[in-house]
């Protein structure tokens, strides 16, 4: 199990090192469509934004190193420059200068743009397959404290099964989980109507289904939705971006 996890993590990392960094950002070599598609798949599984955003930000990093326009600005600390930048809102200068950096090659690559268009927060079994159960996005946002991070622990959720095993032998305890009635009430109150048991056919038919093939237990678990309509405003001190919604 541990070897498989290491093996999978290592290969997902190649989606960044070979794909996002050396191929797509710096164009150090050319690759066949098959290799490009494979590297895009690995980069998607890494969870580090889309290939388009990763490459744009890394080109900014080279062009404006160690300034506020550098997404990985090392002057903000070691942790920020390596990990924290993925967890924070972008500095306004990163957004402003990101619109001016040359990314015409990325915009002309149909695979990159396809990934960019379809990489949205979704319930996705393939993401769960590659991330050991971290693909049930909507449920996790509704109940972030639930150890399963999903409505079910039995479908492509090995992380939950390992937690349950450790609990069964007394190594961990006090597992938090949303009661079925609470989940049902939340689905009925704020759900979009596509739930496999509690949804309705009209809502399910209105959803644009994305690839890969549907989850065998829930045909709505791999879906995409329309982008939310929001407007952003830069505060006077330009220290952060806030939503006006």
Protein backbone atom coordinates (compact mmCIF):
# COMPACT_ATOMS: atom_id res chain seq x y z
CA UNK A 1 0.00 0.00 0.00
CA UNK A 2 2.75 2.44 0.99
CA UNK A 3 4.77 1.56 -2.11
CA UNK A 4 1.72 2.16 -4.30
CA UNK A 5 1.12 5.54 -2.66
CA UNK A 6 4.78 6.52 -3.18
CA UNK A 7 4.70 5.27 -6.77
CA UNK A 8 1.52 7.23 -7.54
CA UNK A 9 2.78 10.39 -5.84
CA UNK A 10 6.06 10.18 -7.73
CA UNK A 11 4.38 9.88 -11.11
CA UNK A 12 1.90 12.65 -10.37
CA UNK A 13 4.92 14.81 -9.57
CA UNK A 14 6.27 14.15 -13.05
CA UNK A 15 3.21 15.95 -14.38
CA UNK A 16 4.70 19.07 -12.78
CA UNK A 17 8.43 18.55 -13.31
CA UNK A 18 8.35 17.19 -16.87
CA UNK A 19 5.00 18.52 -18.03
CA UNK A 20 4.15 21.87 -16.47
CA UNK A 21 7.72 23.04 -15.87
CA UNK A 22 10.03 21.83 -18.63
CA UNK A 23 7.63 21.15 -21.48
CA UNK A 24 4.77 23.61 -21.24
CA UNK A 25 6.41 26.54 -19.41
CA UNK A 26 9.94 26.55 -20.83
CA UNK A 27 9.45 24.52 -24.03
CA UNK A 28 12.68 22.59 -23.41
CA UNK A 29 11.56 19.87 -25.82
CA UNK A 30 8.63 18.76 -27.97
CA UNK A 31 6.37 15.80 -27.26
CA UNK A 32 3.86 13.66 -29.11
CA UNK A 33 0.13 14.21 -28.45
CA UNK A 34 0.02 11.00 -26.41
CA UNK A 35 2.77 12.14 -24.03
CA UNK A 36 1.30 15.63 -23.78
CA UNK A 37 -2.11 14.20 -22.86
CA UNK A 38 -0.54 11.88 -20.28
CA UNK A 39 1.42 14.73 -18.69
CA UNK A 40 -1.71 16.87 -18.60
CA UNK A 41 -3.53 14.07 -16.79
CA UNK A 42 -0.75 13.78 -14.21
CA UNK A 43 -0.64 17.56 -13.73
CA UNK A 44 -4.40 17.61 -13.21
CA UNK A 45 -4.06 14.99 -10.48
CA UNK A 46 -1.46 17.13 -8.69
CA UNK A 47 -4.11 19.71 -7.75
CA UNK A 48 -1.83 22.65 -8.61
CA UNK A 49 -4.31 24.65 -10.68
CA UNK A 50 -4.70 24.06 -14.41
CA UNK A 51 -1.71 23.71 -16.74
CA UNK A 52 -2.57 27.12 -18.20
CA UNK A 53 -2.49 28.87 -14.81
CA UNK A 54 0.60 26.98 -13.61
CA UNK A 55 2.64 27.91 -16.69
CA UNK A 56 1.47 31.52 -16.75
CA UNK A 57 2.37 31.95 -13.08
CA UNK A 58 5.76 30.30 -13.52
CA UNK A 59 6.60 32.56 -16.44
CA UNK A 60 5.68 35.47 -14.19
CA UNK A 61 8.02 34.03 -11.57
CA UNK A 62 10.91 34.14 -14.02
CA UNK A 63 10.04 37.54 -15.44
CA UNK A 64 9.45 39.30 -12.10
CA UNK A 65 11.47 37.19 -9.64
CA UNK A 66 11.26 38.16 -5.96
CA UNK A 67 8.86 41.05 -6.52
CA UNK A 68 5.16 41.36 -5.70
CA UNK A 69 4.43 40.32 -9.28
CA UNK A 70 6.15 36.99 -8.61
CA UNK A 71 3.56 34.37 -7.53
CA UNK A 72 6.32 32.53 -5.59
CA UNK A 73 7.91 35.68 -4.14
CA UNK A 74 10.67 34.38 -1.84
CA UNK A 75 10.67 37.63 0.12
CA UNK A 76 7.40 36.43 1.64
CA UNK A 77 9.17 33.47 3.22
CA UNK A 78 10.33 29.93 2.49
CA UNK A 79 6.93 28.32 3.12
CA UNK A 80 5.05 30.81 0.96
CA UNK A 81 7.44 30.48 -1.99
CA UNK A 82 7.15 26.67 -2.04
CA UNK A 83 3.65 25.86 -0.77
CA UNK A 84 1.83 28.85 0.66
CA UNK A 85 1.34 30.59 -2.67
CA UNK A 86 -1.11 27.84 -3.59
CA UNK A 87 -3.18 28.62 -0.48
CA UNK A 88 -3.35 32.41 -0.70
CA UNK A 89 -5.10 34.95 -2.85
CA UNK A 90 -2.85 36.30 -5.56
CA UNK A 91 -1.23 39.68 -5.03
CA UNK A 92 -2.90 42.33 -7.26
CA UNK A 93 0.37 42.74 -9.17
CA UNK A 94 0.37 39.02 -10.01
CA UNK A 95 -3.10 39.44 -11.49
CA UNK A 96 -2.23 42.67 -13.30
CA UNK A 97 1.04 41.51 -14.86
CA UNK A 98 -0.34 38.05 -15.50
CA UNK A 99 -2.59 39.64 -18.12
CA UNK A 100 0.46 40.98 -19.94
CA UNK A 101 2.76 37.95 -20.01
CA UNK A 102 3.04 36.13 -23.34
CA UNK A 103 0.96 32.92 -23.19
CA UNK A 104 -0.06 32.75 -26.84
CA UNK A 105 1.44 29.26 -27.20
CA UNK A 106 -0.73 27.99 -24.35
CA UNK A 107 -3.82 29.63 -25.81
CA UNK A 108 -3.11 27.91 -29.13
CA UNK A 109 -2.81 24.45 -27.53
CA UNK A 110 -6.24 22.81 -27.63
CA UNK A 111 -5.34 20.24 -24.96
CA UNK A 112 -4.27 22.92 -22.49
CA UNK A 113 -7.37 24.98 -23.16
CA UNK A 114 -9.64 21.93 -22.90
CA UNK A 115 -8.19 21.17 -19.47
CA UNK A 116 -8.52 24.82 -18.42
CA UNK A 117 -12.16 24.91 -19.47
CA UNK A 118 -13.12 21.66 -17.77
CA UNK A 119 -11.05 21.86 -14.59
CA UNK A 120 -13.73 23.11 -12.21
CA UNK A 121 -14.79 22.06 -8.72
CA UNK A 122 -16.86 18.91 -9.27
CA UNK A 123 -17.81 15.56 -7.84
CA UNK A 124 -15.38 13.39 -9.79
CA UNK A 125 -14.64 9.71 -9.39
CA UNK A 126 -11.46 9.93 -11.46
CA UNK A 127 -10.06 12.61 -9.14
CA UNK A 128 -10.88 10.32 -6.22
CA UNK A 129 -9.13 7.46 -7.99
CA UNK A 130 -5.91 9.44 -8.32
CA UNK A 131 -6.11 11.13 -4.89
CA UNK A 132 -7.32 8.24 -2.72
CA UNK A 133 -10.78 9.66 -2.13
CA UNK A 134 -10.34 13.45 -2.36
CA UNK A 135 -12.61 13.94 -5.37
CA UNK A 136 -16.00 14.47 -3.71
CA UNK A 137 -15.66 18.26 -3.67
CA UNK A 138 -19.24 19.38 -3.08
CA UNK A 139 -19.88 17.08 -0.11
CA UNK A 140 -16.58 18.07 1.51
CA UNK A 141 -17.47 21.75 1.30
CA UNK A 142 -20.85 21.05 2.90
CA UNK A 143 -19.38 18.92 5.71
CA UNK A 144 -15.62 19.68 5.92
CA UNK A 145 -15.36 17.96 9.32
CA UNK A 146 -16.63 14.57 8.07
CA UNK A 147 -13.75 12.06 8.07
CA UNK A 148 -15.04 10.49 4.84
CA UNK A 149 -14.84 13.77 2.88
CA UNK A 150 -17.61 12.13 0.87
CA UNK A 151 -21.16 10.95 1.25
CA UNK A 152 -20.04 7.34 0.88
CA UNK A 153 -16.81 5.67 2.04
CA UNK A 154 -17.23 2.60 -0.13
CA UNK A 155 -16.59 4.02 -3.61
CA UNK A 156 -13.04 4.99 -4.56
CA UNK A 157 -12.34 6.31 -1.08
CA UNK A 158 -9.40 4.30 0.30
CA UNK A 159 -8.45 7.11 2.69
CA UNK A 160 -11.78 6.71 4.50
CA UNK A 161 -11.41 2.93 4.59
CA UNK A 162 -7.94 3.22 6.15
CA UNK A 163 -9.32 5.62 8.77
CA UNK A 164 -12.11 3.15 9.50
CA UNK A 165 -9.62 0.30 9.85
CA UNK A 166 -7.44 2.29 12.24
CA UNK A 167 -10.57 3.12 14.26
CA UNK A 168 -11.58 -0.56 14.38
CA UNK A 169 -8.29 -1.49 16.08
CA UNK A 170 -8.42 1.44 18.47
CA UNK A 171 -5.56 3.45 16.96
CA UNK A 172 -7.74 6.50 16.23
CA UNK A 173 -11.09 7.49 17.69
CA UNK A 174 -13.92 10.05 17.83
CA UNK A 175 -14.47 9.97 14.07
CA UNK A 176 -16.74 12.79 12.99
CA UNK A 177 -19.38 12.04 10.37
CA UNK A 178 -22.55 13.76 9.23
CA UNK A 179 -25.67 11.77 10.24
CA UNK A 180 -27.80 10.57 7.30
CA UNK A 181 -30.70 12.84 8.28
CA UNK A 182 -28.39 15.88 8.30
CA UNK A 183 -27.04 14.97 4.86
CA UNK A 184 -30.55 14.45 3.51
CA UNK A 185 -31.78 17.76 4.91
CA UNK A 186 -28.82 19.60 3.37
CA UNK A 187 -29.43 17.95 0.00
CA UNK A 188 -33.10 18.91 0.06
CA UNK A 189 -32.36 22.44 1.26
CA UNK A 190 -29.41 23.51 -0.95
CA UNK A 191 -28.85 20.68 -3.43
CA UNK A 192 -29.04 21.29 -7.16
CA UNK A 193 -31.46 18.41 -7.81
CA UNK A 194 -28.89 16.03 -9.32
CA UNK A 195 -28.44 13.69 -6.33
CA UNK A 196 -28.61 10.05 -7.39
CA UNK A 197 -31.49 9.22 -5.00
CA UNK A 198 -33.02 12.54 -3.92
CA UNK A 199 -32.67 14.50 -7.17
CA UNK A 200 -35.12 14.93 -10.01
CA UNK A 201 -34.87 13.99 -13.67
CA UNK A 202 -35.25 17.55 -14.94
CA UNK A 203 -32.23 18.78 -12.97
CA UNK A 204 -30.16 15.76 -13.93
CA UNK A 205 -30.95 16.27 -17.61
CA UNK A 206 -29.88 19.91 -17.40
CA UNK A 207 -26.37 19.08 -16.20
CA UNK A 208 -23.54 19.03 -18.71
CA UNK A 209 -21.72 15.77 -18.07
CA UNK A 210 -17.94 15.84 -18.40
CA UNK A 211 -15.47 13.10 -19.18
CA UNK A 212 -14.41 10.54 -17.94
CA UNK A 213 -17.28 8.00 -17.92
CA UNK A 214 -19.88 8.33 -15.21
CA UNK A 215 -19.58 6.88 -11.73
CA UNK A 216 -21.32 3.47 -11.75
CA UNK A 217 -23.24 4.20 -8.54
CA UNK A 218 -24.10 7.82 -9.18
CA UNK A 219 -24.44 9.19 -12.73
CA UNK A 220 -24.14 12.76 -11.41
CA UNK A 221 -20.79 12.30 -9.67
CA UNK A 222 -18.79 13.56 -12.64
CA UNK A 223 -20.43 16.80 -13.68
CA UNK A 224 -19.57 20.38 -14.51
CA UNK A 225 -21.61 23.48 -13.80
CA UNK A 226 -21.81 26.98 -15.19
CA UNK A 227 -19.18 29.35 -13.81
CA UNK A 228 -20.54 31.63 -11.06
CA UNK A 229 -21.12 35.25 -12.02
CA UNK A 230 -19.04 37.43 -9.70
CA UNK A 231 -17.32 40.79 -9.87
CA UNK A 232 -14.06 41.69 -8.20
CA UNK A 233 -12.90 45.03 -6.87
CA UNK A 234 -9.41 46.14 -5.89
CA UNK A 235 -9.40 47.93 -2.54
CA UNK A 236 -7.85 51.38 -2.44
CA UNK A 237 -4.68 50.15 -0.78
CA UNK A 238 -4.46 47.33 -3.38
CA UNK A 239 -3.55 44.95 -0.60
CA UNK A 240 -6.11 42.32 -1.51
CA UNK A 241 -8.95 41.39 -3.83
CA UNK A 242 -12.46 41.09 -2.44
CA UNK A 243 -15.68 39.80 -3.93
CA UNK A 244 -18.54 42.22 -4.27
CA UNK A 245 -21.14 39.44 -4.31
